[in-house]
Amino acid sequence: MFHALGDPTRRSILERLSMGPATVGELAEPYKMALPSLMQHLGVLEDSSLVRSEKVGRVRTYKLTLETMQAGEDWFVRQRTHWDRRLDQLDSYLLEMKEKENGKN
């Protein structure tokens, strides 16, 4: 998932899909790239389960996979909580050291 999110074009496609499902043609409009290149980006997003596609006739439509997005968000929240806790511990330690140092003077 994070590999897929590492590319600005793929993040832009996800932003577009956050407004609702879109066909390949609609997704291709803002980009000046060949269709095979766009399809490669969509393939990476689909392989990482960030999007799903459905083909009806000749039209393929993509939409976000909310479960995968939620799993990514949950991971970031856990990491943020972990690092906030560690920074709070460092802050407490440094304050304690400063108080000890001031007590000596």
PDB file of N, CA and C in Angstrom:
ATOM      1  N   MET A   1       0.828  -1.190   0.000  1.00  0.00           N
ATOM      2  CA  MET A   1       0.000   0.000   0.000  1.00  0.00           C
ATOM      3  C   MET A   1       0.870   1.250   0.000  1.00  0.00           C
ATOM      4  N   PHE A   2       1.913   1.276   0.837  1.00  0.00           N
ATOM      5  CA  PHE A   2       2.726   2.495   0.918  1.00  0.00           C
ATOM      6  C   PHE A   2       3.536   2.713  -0.361  1.00  0.00           C
ATOM      7  N   HIS A   3       3.912   1.628  -1.036  1.00  0.00           N
ATOM      8  CA  HIS A   3       4.568   1.773  -2.337  1.00  0.00           C
ATOM      9  C   HIS A   3       3.625   2.505  -3.297  1.00  0.00           C
ATOM     10  N   ALA A   4       2.382   2.100  -3.316  1.00  0.00           N
ATOM     11  CA  ALA A   4       1.401   2.727  -4.208  1.00  0.00           C
ATOM     12  C   ALA A   4       1.207   4.197  -3.857  1.00  0.00           C
ATOM     13  N   LEU A   5       1.240   4.526  -2.590  1.00  0.00           N
ATOM     14  CA  LEU A   5       1.037   5.906  -2.156  1.00  0.00           C
ATOM     15  C   LEU A   5       2.275   6.776  -2.369  1.00  0.00           C
ATOM     16  N   GLY A   6       3.395   6.163  -2.690  1.00  0.00           N
ATOM     17  CA  GLY A   6       4.636   6.907  -2.867  1.00  0.00           C
ATOM     18  C   GLY A   6       4.690   7.734  -4.143  1.00  0.00           C
ATOM     19  N   ASP A   7       3.771   7.534  -5.036  1.00  0.00           N
ATOM     20  CA  ASP A   7       3.788   8.243  -6.315  1.00  0.00           C
ATOM     21  C   ASP A   7       2.730   9.349  -6.331  1.00  0.00           C
ATOM     22  N   PRO A   8       3.107  10.585  -6.703  1.00  0.00           N
ATOM     23  CA  PRO A   8       2.130  11.696  -6.683  1.00  0.00           C
ATOM     24  C   PRO A   8       0.957  11.495  -7.639  1.00  0.00           C
ATOM     25  N   THR A   9       1.193  10.853  -8.780  1.00  0.00           N
ATOM     26  CA  THR A   9       0.082  10.620  -9.712  1.00  0.00           C
ATOM     27  C   THR A   9      -0.937   9.687  -9.075  1.00  0.00           C
ATOM     28  N   ARG A  10      -0.468   8.643  -8.423  1.00  0.00           N
ATOM     29  CA  ARG A  10      -1.400   7.694  -7.801  1.00  0.00           C
ATOM     30  C   ARG A  10      -2.148   8.354  -6.636  1.00  0.00           C
ATOM     31  N   ARG A  11      -1.446   9.206  -5.880  1.00  0.00           N
ATOM     32  CA  ARG A  11      -2.154   9.924  -4.795  1.00  0.00           C
ATOM     33  C   ARG A  11      -3.215  10.849  -5.387  1.00  0.00           C
ATOM     34  N   SER A  12      -2.901  11.467  -6.506  1.00  0.00           N
ATOM     35  CA  SER A  12      -3.865  12.346  -7.176  1.00  0.00           C
ATOM     36  C   SER A  12      -5.081  11.558  -7.658  1.00  0.00           C
ATOM     37  N   ILE A  13      -4.844  10.368  -8.185  1.00  0.00           N
ATOM     38  CA  ILE A  13      -5.957   9.518  -8.622  1.00  0.00           C
ATOM     39  C   ILE A  13      -6.834   9.158  -7.425  1.00  0.00           C
ATOM     40  N   LEU A  14      -6.208   8.846  -6.294  1.00  0.00           N
ATOM     41  CA  LEU A  14      -6.992   8.514  -5.089  1.00  0.00           C
ATOM     42  C   LEU A  14      -7.816   9.711  -4.630  1.00  0.00           C
ATOM     43  N   GLU A  15      -7.227  10.916  -4.720  1.00  0.00           N
ATOM     44  CA  GLU A  15      -7.982  12.117  -4.341  1.00  0.00           C
ATOM     45  C   GLU A  15      -9.210  12.276  -5.238  1.00  0.00           C
ATOM     46  N   ARG A  16      -9.014  12.026  -6.525  1.00  0.00           N
ATOM     47  CA  ARG A  16     -10.157  12.130  -7.453  1.00  0.00           C
ATOM     48  C   ARG A  16     -11.224  11.108  -7.092  1.00  0.00           C
ATOM     49  N   LEU A  17     -10.779   9.874  -6.777  1.00  0.00           N
ATOM     50  CA  LEU A  17     -11.743   8.822  -6.450  1.00  0.00           C
ATOM     51  C   LEU A  17     -12.420   9.052  -5.102  1.00  0.00           C
ATOM     52  N   SER A  18     -11.837   9.897  -4.261  1.00  0.00           N
ATOM     53  CA  SER A  18     -12.493  10.200  -2.980  1.00  0.00           C
ATOM     54  C   SER A  18     -13.798  10.971  -3.213  1.00  0.00           C
ATOM     55  N   MET A  19     -13.954  11.544  -4.411  1.00  0.00           N
ATOM     56  CA  MET A  19     -15.199  12.252  -4.748  1.00  0.00           C
ATOM     57  C   MET A  19     -16.237  11.307  -5.329  1.00  0.00           C
ATOM     58  N   GLY A  20     -15.828  10.053  -5.592  1.00  0.00           N
ATOM     59  CA  GLY A  20     -16.759   9.070  -6.132  1.00  0.00           C
ATOM     60  C   GLY A  20     -16.120   8.255  -7.233  1.00  0.00           C
ATOM     61  N   PRO A  21     -16.776   7.163  -7.620  1.00  0.00           N
ATOM     62  CA  PRO A  21     -16.235   6.315  -8.675  1.00  0.00           C
ATOM     63  C   PRO A  21     -16.032   7.098  -9.973  1.00  0.00           C
ATOM     64  N   ALA A  22     -15.063   6.621 -10.774  1.00  0.00           N
ATOM     65  CA  ALA A  22     -14.775   7.298 -12.042  1.00  0.00           C
ATOM     66  C   ALA A  22     -14.329   6.267 -13.074  1.00  0.00           C
ATOM     67  N   THR A  23     -14.660   6.552 -14.319  1.00  0.00           N
ATOM     68  CA  THR A  23     -14.227   5.677 -15.409  1.00  0.00           C
ATOM     69  C   THR A  23     -12.761   5.983 -15.740  1.00  0.00           C
ATOM     70  N   VAL A  24     -12.159   5.100 -16.497  1.00  0.00           N
ATOM     71  CA  VAL A  24     -10.771   5.310 -16.911  1.00  0.00           C
ATOM     72  C   VAL A  24     -10.652   6.626 -17.680  1.00  0.00           C
ATOM     73  N   GLY A  25     -11.612   6.889 -18.553  1.00  0.00           N
ATOM     74  CA  GLY A  25     -11.595   8.137 -19.323  1.00  0.00           C
ATOM     75  C   GLY A  25     -11.640   9.363 -18.425  1.00  0.00           C
ATOM     76  N   GLU A  26     -12.480   9.329 -17.401  1.00  0.00           N
ATOM     77  CA  GLU A  26     -12.567  10.467 -16.471  1.00  0.00           C
ATOM     78  C   GLU A  26     -11.269  10.631 -15.689  1.00  0.00           C
ATOM     79  N   LEU A  27     -10.665   9.497 -15.322  1.00  0.00           N
ATOM     80  CA  LEU A  27      -9.415   9.569 -14.560  1.00  0.00           C
ATOM     81  C   LEU A  27      -8.263  10.061 -15.422  1.00  0.00           C
ATOM     82  N   ALA A  28      -8.323   9.786 -16.722  1.00  0.00           N
ATOM     83  CA  ALA A  28      -7.233  10.159 -17.628  1.00  0.00           C
ATOM     84  C   ALA A  28      -7.237  11.647 -17.967  1.00  0.00           C
ATOM     85  N   GLU A  29      -8.395  12.306 -17.863  1.00  0.00           N
ATOM     86  CA  GLU A  29      -8.526  13.695 -18.314  1.00  0.00           C
ATOM     87  C   GLU A  29      -7.461  14.653 -17.797  1.00  0.00           C
ATOM     88  N   PRO A  30      -7.182  14.688 -16.491  1.00  0.00           N
ATOM     89  CA  PRO A  30      -6.239  15.709 -16.019  1.00  0.00           C
ATOM     90  C   PRO A  30      -4.767  15.424 -16.317  1.00  0.00           C
ATOM     91  N   TYR A  31      -4.455  14.270 -16.833  1.00  0.00           N
ATOM     92  CA  TYR A  31      -3.051  13.892 -17.011  1.00  0.00           C
ATOM     93  C   TYR A  31      -2.654  13.914 -18.478  1.00  0.00           C
ATOM     94  N   LYS A  32      -1.426  14.369 -18.714  1.00  0.00           N
ATOM     95  CA  LYS A  32      -0.864  14.335 -20.062  1.00  0.00           C
ATOM     96  C   LYS A  32       0.044  13.118 -20.138  1.00  0.00           C
ATOM     97  N   MET A  33      -0.560  11.957 -20.118  1.00  0.00           N
ATOM     98  CA  MET A  33       0.219  10.729 -20.224  1.00  0.00           C
ATOM     99  C   MET A  33      -0.550   9.738 -21.095  1.00  0.00           C
ATOM    100  N   ALA A  34       0.200   8.801 -21.655  1.00  0.00           N
ATOM    101  CA  ALA A  34      -0.417   7.795 -22.497  1.00  0.00           C
ATOM    102  C   ALA A  34      -1.312   6.892 -21.639  1.00  0.00           C
ATOM    103  N   LEU A  35      -2.354   6.377 -22.256  1.00  0.00           N
ATOM    104  CA  LEU A  35      -3.298   5.519 -21.535  1.00  0.00           C
ATOM    105  C   LEU A  35      -2.611   4.310 -20.884  1.00  0.00           C
ATOM    106  N   PRO A  36      -1.651   3.649 -21.582  1.00  0.00           N
ATOM    107  CA  PRO A  36      -0.978   2.530 -20.907  1.00  0.00           C
ATOM    108  C   PRO A  36      -0.266   2.938 -19.613  1.00  0.00           C
ATOM    109  N   SER A  37       0.281   4.149 -19.586  1.00  0.00           N
ATOM    110  CA  SER A  37       0.943   4.626 -18.365  1.00  0.00           C
ATOM    111  C   SER A  37      -0.075   4.809 -17.244  1.00  0.00           C
ATOM    112  N   LEU A  38      -1.228   5.400 -17.585  1.00  0.00           N
ATOM    113  CA  LEU A  38      -2.281   5.568 -16.579  1.00  0.00           C
ATOM    114  C   LEU A  38      -2.758   4.206 -16.088  1.00  0.00           C
ATOM    115  N   MET A  39      -2.917   3.277 -17.023  1.00  0.00           N
ATOM    116  CA  MET A  39      -3.386   1.937 -16.639  1.00  0.00           C
ATOM    117  C   MET A  39      -2.379   1.252 -15.707  1.00  0.00           C
ATOM    118  N   GLN A  40      -1.087   1.549 -15.930  1.00  0.00           N
ATOM    119  CA  GLN A  40      -0.065   0.992 -15.048  1.00  0.00           C
ATOM    120  C   GLN A  40      -0.251   1.525 -13.623  1.00  0.00           C
ATOM    121  N   HIS A  41      -0.507   2.828 -13.495  1.00  0.00           N
ATOM    122  CA  HIS A  41      -0.761   3.416 -12.171  1.00  0.00           C
ATOM    123  C   HIS A  41      -2.009   2.786 -11.541  1.00  0.00           C
ATOM    124  N   LEU A  42      -3.049   2.642 -12.334  1.00  0.00           N
ATOM    125  CA  LEU A  42      -4.277   2.037 -11.800  1.00  0.00           C
ATOM    126  C   LEU A  42      -4.038   0.586 -11.393  1.00  0.00           C
ATOM    127  N   GLY A  43      -3.188  -0.114 -12.142  1.00  0.00           N
ATOM    128  CA  GLY A  43      -2.851  -1.487 -11.780  1.00  0.00           C
ATOM    129  C   GLY A  43      -2.138  -1.574 -10.447  1.00  0.00           C
ATOM    130  N   VAL A  44      -1.219  -0.641 -10.210  1.00  0.00           N
ATOM    131  CA  VAL A  44      -0.507  -0.616  -8.915  1.00  0.00           C
ATOM    132  C   VAL A  44      -1.496  -0.357  -7.786  1.00  0.00           C
ATOM    133  N   LEU A  45      -2.408   0.590  -8.011  1.00  0.00           N
ATOM    134  CA  LEU A  45      -3.412   0.899  -6.978  1.00  0.00           C
ATOM    135  C   LEU A  45      -4.329  -0.299  -6.725  1.00  0.00           C
ATOM    136  N   GLU A  46      -4.687  -1.001  -7.774  1.00  0.00           N
ATOM    137  CA  GLU A  46      -5.573  -2.152  -7.616  1.00  0.00           C
ATOM    138  C   GLU A  46      -4.822  -3.328  -6.963  1.00  0.00           C
ATOM    139  N   ASP A  47      -3.551  -3.523  -7.344  1.00  0.00           N
ATOM    140  CA  ASP A  47      -2.751  -4.591  -6.734  1.00  0.00           C
ATOM    141  C   ASP A  47      -2.564  -4.368  -5.236  1.00  0.00           C
ATOM    142  N   SER A  48      -2.535  -3.114  -4.827  1.00  0.00           N
ATOM    143  CA  SER A  48      -2.367  -2.808  -3.401  1.00  0.00           C
ATOM    144  C   SER A  48      -3.710  -2.747  -2.675  1.00  0.00           C
ATOM    145  N   SER A  49      -4.774  -3.064  -3.382  1.00  0.00           N
ATOM    146  CA  SER A  49      -6.142  -3.090  -2.817  1.00  0.00           C
ATOM    147  C   SER A  49      -6.646  -1.719  -2.383  1.00  0.00           C
ATOM    148  N   LEU A  50      -6.045  -0.657  -2.913  1.00  0.00           N
ATOM    149  CA  LEU A  50      -6.547   0.683  -2.595  1.00  0.00           C
ATOM    150  C   LEU A  50      -7.767   1.032  -3.438  1.00  0.00           C
ATOM    151  N   VAL A  51      -7.874   0.415  -4.614  1.00  0.00           N
ATOM    152  CA  VAL A  51      -9.034   0.635  -5.483  1.00  0.00           C
ATOM    153  C   VAL A  51      -9.520  -0.707  -6.017  1.00  0.00           C
ATOM    154  N   ARG A  52     -10.750  -0.697  -6.470  1.00  0.00           N
ATOM    155  CA  ARG A  52     -11.333  -1.850  -7.168  1.00  0.00           C
ATOM    156  C   ARG A  52     -11.888  -1.345  -8.484  1.00  0.00           C
ATOM    157  N   SER A  53     -11.917  -2.239  -9.465  1.00  0.00           N
ATOM    158  CA  SER A  53     -12.507  -1.828 -10.730  1.00  0.00           C
ATOM    159  C   SER A  53     -13.588  -2.820 -11.125  1.00  0.00           C
ATOM    160  N   GLU A  54     -14.465  -2.305 -11.940  1.00  0.00           N
ATOM    161  CA  GLU A  54     -15.558  -3.130 -12.457  1.00  0.00           C
ATOM    162  C   GLU A  54     -15.739  -2.754 -13.915  1.00  0.00           C
ATOM    163  N   LYS A  55     -15.864  -3.761 -14.754  1.00  0.00           N
ATOM    164  CA  LYS A  55     -16.021  -3.486 -16.172  1.00  0.00           C
ATOM    165  C   LYS A  55     -17.438  -3.841 -16.592  1.00  0.00           C
ATOM    166  N   VAL A  56     -18.100  -2.874 -17.200  1.00  0.00           N
ATOM    167  CA  VAL A  56     -19.440  -3.087 -17.743  1.00  0.00           C
ATOM    168  C   VAL A  56     -19.365  -2.732 -19.222  1.00  0.00           C
ATOM    169  N   GLY A  57     -19.503  -3.722 -20.047  1.00  0.00           N
ATOM    170  CA  GLY A  57     -19.345  -3.490 -21.483  1.00  0.00           C
ATOM    171  C   GLY A  57     -17.896  -3.113 -21.764  1.00  0.00           C
ATOM    172  N   ARG A  58     -17.712  -1.952 -22.355  1.00  0.00           N
ATOM    173  CA  ARG A  58     -16.347  -1.487 -22.656  1.00  0.00           C
ATOM    174  C   ARG A  58     -15.848  -0.463 -21.648  1.00  0.00           C
ATOM    175  N   VAL A  59     -16.637  -0.183 -20.646  1.00  0.00           N
ATOM    176  CA  VAL A  59     -16.286   0.866 -19.682  1.00  0.00           C
ATOM    177  C   VAL A  59     -15.831   0.249 -18.365  1.00  0.00           C
ATOM    178  N   ARG A  60     -14.607   0.599 -17.945  1.00  0.00           N
ATOM    179  CA  ARG A  60     -14.090   0.153 -16.656  1.00  0.00           C
ATOM    180  C   ARG A  60     -14.178   1.326 -15.683  1.00  0.00           C
ATOM    181  N   THR A  61     -14.773   1.071 -14.523  1.00  0.00           N
ATOM    182  CA  THR A  61     -14.957   2.100 -13.507  1.00  0.00           C
ATOM    183  C   THR A  61     -14.174   1.721 -12.261  1.00  0.00           C
ATOM    184  N   TYR A  62     -13.489   2.710 -11.685  1.00  0.00           N
ATOM    185  CA  TYR A  62     -12.694   2.490 -10.468  1.00  0.00           C
ATOM    186  C   TYR A  62     -13.354   3.183  -9.288  1.00  0.00           C
ATOM    187  N   LYS A  63     -13.175   2.569  -8.113  1.00  0.00           N
ATOM    188  CA  LYS A  63     -13.647   3.205  -6.880  1.00  0.00           C
ATOM    189  C   LYS A  63     -12.696   2.839  -5.742  1.00  0.00           C
ATOM    190  N   LEU A  64     -12.698   3.659  -4.714  1.00  0.00           N
ATOM    191  CA  LEU A  64     -11.828   3.431  -3.562  1.00  0.00           C
ATOM    192  C   LEU A  64     -12.255   2.187  -2.802  1.00  0.00           C
ATOM    193  N   THR A  65     -11.297   1.514  -2.210  1.00  0.00           N
ATOM    194  CA  THR A  65     -11.572   0.412  -1.311  1.00  0.00           C
ATOM    195  C   THR A  65     -11.412   0.962   0.107  1.00  0.00           C
ATOM    196  N   LEU A  66     -12.514   1.262   0.731  1.00  0.00           N
ATOM    197  CA  LEU A  66     -12.460   1.957   2.014  1.00  0.00           C
ATOM    198  C   LEU A  66     -11.794   1.135   3.112  1.00  0.00           C
ATOM    199  N   GLU A  67     -11.917  -0.191   3.058  1.00  0.00           N
ATOM    200  CA  GLU A  67     -11.311  -1.038   4.095  1.00  0.00           C
ATOM    201  C   GLU A  67      -9.789  -0.875   4.109  1.00  0.00           C
ATOM    202  N   THR A  68      -9.180  -0.828   2.933  1.00  0.00           N
ATOM    203  CA  THR A  68      -7.721  -0.665   2.853  1.00  0.00           C
ATOM    204  C   THR A  68      -7.313   0.728   3.302  1.00  0.00           C
ATOM    205  N   MET A  69      -8.072   1.727   2.910  1.00  0.00           N
ATOM    206  CA  MET A  69      -7.767   3.090   3.351  1.00  0.00           C
ATOM    207  C   MET A  69      -7.865   3.179   4.873  1.00  0.00           C
ATOM    208  N   GLN A  70      -8.868   2.530   5.447  1.00  0.00           N
ATOM    209  CA  GLN A  70      -9.040   2.551   6.903  1.00  0.00           C
ATOM    210  C   GLN A  70      -7.878   1.834   7.603  1.00  0.00           C
ATOM    211  N   ALA A  71      -7.409   0.725   7.027  1.00  0.00           N
ATOM    212  CA  ALA A  71      -6.270   0.011   7.609  1.00  0.00           C
ATOM    213  C   ALA A  71      -5.028   0.894   7.608  1.00  0.00           C
ATOM    214  N   GLY A  72      -4.813   1.645   6.527  1.00  0.00           N
ATOM    215  CA  GLY A  72      -3.688   2.570   6.458  1.00  0.00           C
ATOM    216  C   GLY A  72      -3.816   3.674   7.499  1.00  0.00           C
ATOM    217  N   GLU A  73      -5.009   4.227   7.622  1.00  0.00           N
ATOM    218  CA  GLU A  73      -5.240   5.274   8.612  1.00  0.00           C
ATOM    219  C   GLU A  73      -5.009   4.746  10.022  1.00  0.00           C
ATOM    220  N   ASP A  74      -5.490   3.548  10.301  1.00  0.00           N
ATOM    221  CA  ASP A  74      -5.286   2.939  11.623  1.00  0.00           C
ATOM    222  C   ASP A  74      -3.793   2.782  11.922  1.00  0.00           C
ATOM    223  N   TRP A  75      -3.005   2.378  10.915  1.00  0.00           N
ATOM    224  CA  TRP A  75      -1.566   2.219  11.104  1.00  0.00           C
ATOM    225  C   TRP A  75      -0.930   3.559  11.470  1.00  0.00           C
ATOM    226  N   PHE A  76      -1.313   4.635  10.751  1.00  0.00           N
ATOM    227  CA  PHE A  76      -0.757   5.958  11.042  1.00  0.00           C
ATOM    228  C   PHE A  76      -1.147   6.420  12.445  1.00  0.00           C
ATOM    229  N   VAL A  77      -2.368   6.163  12.852  1.00  0.00           N
ATOM    230  CA  VAL A  77      -2.810   6.576  14.191  1.00  0.00           C
ATOM    231  C   VAL A  77      -1.990   5.840  15.257  1.00  0.00           C
ATOM    232  N   ARG A  78      -1.782   4.532  15.063  1.00  0.00           N
ATOM    233  CA  ARG A  78      -0.969   3.775  16.033  1.00  0.00           C
ATOM    234  C   ARG A  78       0.446   4.324  16.102  1.00  0.00           C
ATOM    235  N   GLN A  79       1.055   4.631  14.942  1.00  0.00           N
ATOM    236  CA  GLN A  79       2.410   5.185  14.932  1.00  0.00           C
ATOM    237  C   GLN A  79       2.448   6.556  15.603  1.00  0.00           C
ATOM    238  N   ARG A  80       1.477   7.373  15.323  1.00  0.00           N
ATOM    239  CA  ARG A  80       1.415   8.712  15.915  1.00  0.00           C
ATOM    240  C   ARG A  80       1.285   8.621  17.433  1.00  0.00           C
ATOM    241  N   THR A  81       0.427   7.723  17.910  1.00  0.00           N
ATOM    242  CA  THR A  81       0.232   7.542  19.350  1.00  0.00           C
ATOM    243  C   THR A  81       1.520   7.071  19.996  1.00  0.00           C
ATOM    244  N   HIS A  82       2.201   6.117  19.364  1.00  0.00           N
ATOM    245  CA  HIS A  82       3.465   5.596  19.889  1.00  0.00           C
ATOM    246  C   HIS A  82       4.504   6.710  20.020  1.00  0.00           C
ATOM    247  N   TRP A  83       4.670   7.510  18.966  1.00  0.00           N
ATOM    248  CA  TRP A  83       5.693   8.558  18.990  1.00  0.00           C
ATOM    249  C   TRP A  83       5.302   9.722  19.892  1.00  0.00           C
ATOM    250  N   ASP A  84       4.032  10.023  20.000  1.00  0.00           N
ATOM    251  CA  ASP A  84       3.590  11.046  20.955  1.00  0.00           C
ATOM    252  C   ASP A  84       3.949  10.624  22.374  1.00  0.00           C
ATOM    253  N   ARG A  85       3.699   9.352  22.694  1.00  0.00           N
ATOM    254  CA  ARG A  85       4.008   8.830  24.026  1.00  0.00           C
ATOM    255  C   ARG A  85       5.516   8.904  24.302  1.00  0.00           C
ATOM    256  N   ARG A  86       6.312   8.527  23.319  1.00  0.00           N
ATOM    257  CA  ARG A  86       7.771   8.572  23.502  1.00  0.00           C
ATOM    258  C   ARG A  86       8.264  10.015  23.652  1.00  0.00           C
ATOM    259  N   LEU A  87       7.713  10.934  22.887  1.00  0.00           N
ATOM    260  CA  LEU A  87       8.125  12.344  23.016  1.00  0.00           C
ATOM    261  C   LEU A  87       7.702  12.914  24.363  1.00  0.00           C
ATOM    262  N   ASP A  88       6.548  12.502  24.878  1.00  0.00           N
ATOM    263  CA  ASP A  88       6.120  12.927  26.212  1.00  0.00           C
ATOM    264  C   ASP A  88       7.097  12.417  27.266  1.00  0.00           C
ATOM    265  N   GLN A  89       7.546  11.160  27.119  1.00  0.00           N
ATOM    266  CA  GLN A  89       8.516  10.601  28.059  1.00  0.00           C
ATOM    267  C   GLN A  89       9.836  11.372  27.989  1.00  0.00           C
ATOM    268  N   LEU A  90      10.275  11.710  26.792  1.00  0.00           N
ATOM    269  CA  LEU A  90      11.512  12.485  26.634  1.00  0.00           C
ATOM    270  C   LEU A  90      11.358  13.859  27.253  1.00  0.00           C
ATOM    271  N   ASP A  91      10.222  14.483  27.051  1.00  0.00           N
ATOM    272  CA  ASP A  91       9.955  15.802  27.618  1.00  0.00           C
ATOM    273  C   ASP A  91      10.003  15.742  29.150  1.00  0.00           C
ATOM    274  N   SER A  92       9.381  14.724  29.735  1.00  0.00           N
ATOM    275  CA  SER A  92       9.393  14.571  31.194  1.00  0.00           C
ATOM    276  C   SER A  92      10.816  14.362  31.702  1.00  0.00           C
ATOM    277  N   TYR A  93      11.573  13.542  31.010  1.00  0.00           N
ATOM    278  CA  TYR A  93      12.953  13.266  31.403  1.00  0.00           C
ATOM    279  C   TYR A  93      13.791  14.542  31.369  1.00  0.00           C
ATOM    280  N   LEU A  94      13.652  15.314  30.294  1.00  0.00           N
ATOM    281  CA  LEU A  94      14.432  16.544  30.168  1.00  0.00           C
ATOM    282  C   LEU A  94      14.041  17.567  31.228  1.00  0.00           C
ATOM    283  N   LEU A  95      12.741  17.654  31.534  1.00  0.00           N
ATOM    284  CA  LEU A  95      12.311  18.568  32.604  1.00  0.00           C
ATOM    285  C   LEU A  95      12.887  18.139  33.944  1.00  0.00           C
ATOM    286  N   GLU A  96      12.891  16.839  34.206  1.00  0.00           N
ATOM    287  CA  GLU A  96      13.444  16.311  35.445  1.00  0.00           C
ATOM    288  C   GLU A  96      14.941  16.618  35.533  1.00  0.00           C
ATOM    289  N   MET A  97      15.653  16.449  34.449  1.00  0.00           N
ATOM    290  CA  MET A  97      17.087  16.747  34.414  1.00  0.00           C
ATOM    291  C   MET A  97      17.338  18.227  34.668  1.00  0.00           C
ATOM    292  N   LYS A  98      16.499  19.076  34.070  1.00  0.00           N
ATOM    293  CA  LYS A  98      16.659  20.522  34.239  1.00  0.00           C
ATOM    294  C   LYS A  98      16.407  20.919  35.687  1.00  0.00           C
ATOM    295  N   GLU A  99      15.374  20.321  36.304  1.00  0.00           N
ATOM    296  CA  GLU A  99      15.079  20.615  37.708  1.00  0.00           C
ATOM    297  C   GLU A  99      16.221  20.168  38.606  1.00  0.00           C
ATOM    298  N   LYS A 100      16.800  19.007  38.323  1.00  0.00           N
ATOM    299  CA  LYS A 100      17.947  18.536  39.109  1.00  0.00           C
ATOM    300  C   LYS A 100      19.128  19.481  38.958  1.00  0.00           C
ATOM    301  N   GLU A 101      19.358  19.925  37.726  1.00  0.00           N
ATOM    302  CA  GLU A 101      20.477  20.824  37.469  1.00  0.00           C
ATOM    303  C   GLU A 101      20.253  22.164  38.175  1.00  0.00           C
ATOM    304  N   ASN A 102      19.026  22.686  38.158  1.00  0.00           N
ATOM    305  CA  ASN A 102      18.723  23.943  38.839  1.00  0.00           C
ATOM    306  C   ASN A 102      18.834  23.791  40.349  1.00  0.00           C
ATOM    307  N   GLY A 103      18.538  22.592  40.867  1.00  0.00           N
ATOM    308  CA  GLY A 103      18.640  22.338  42.304  1.00  0.00           C
ATOM    309  C   GLY A 103      20.069  22.349  42.792  1.00  0.00           C
ATOM    310  N   LYS A 104      21.009  22.033  41.906  1.00  0.00           N
ATOM    311  CA  LYS A 104      22.431  22.008  42.276  1.00  0.00           C
ATOM    312  C   LYS A 104      23.001  23.412  42.348  1.00  0.00           C
ATOM    313  N   ASN A 105      22.412  24.348  41.576  1.00  0.00           N
ATOM    314  CA  ASN A 105      22.961  25.720  41.527  1.00  0.00           C
ATOM    315  C   ASN A 105      22.470  26.590  42.635  1.00  0.00           C
TER     316      ASN A 105
END
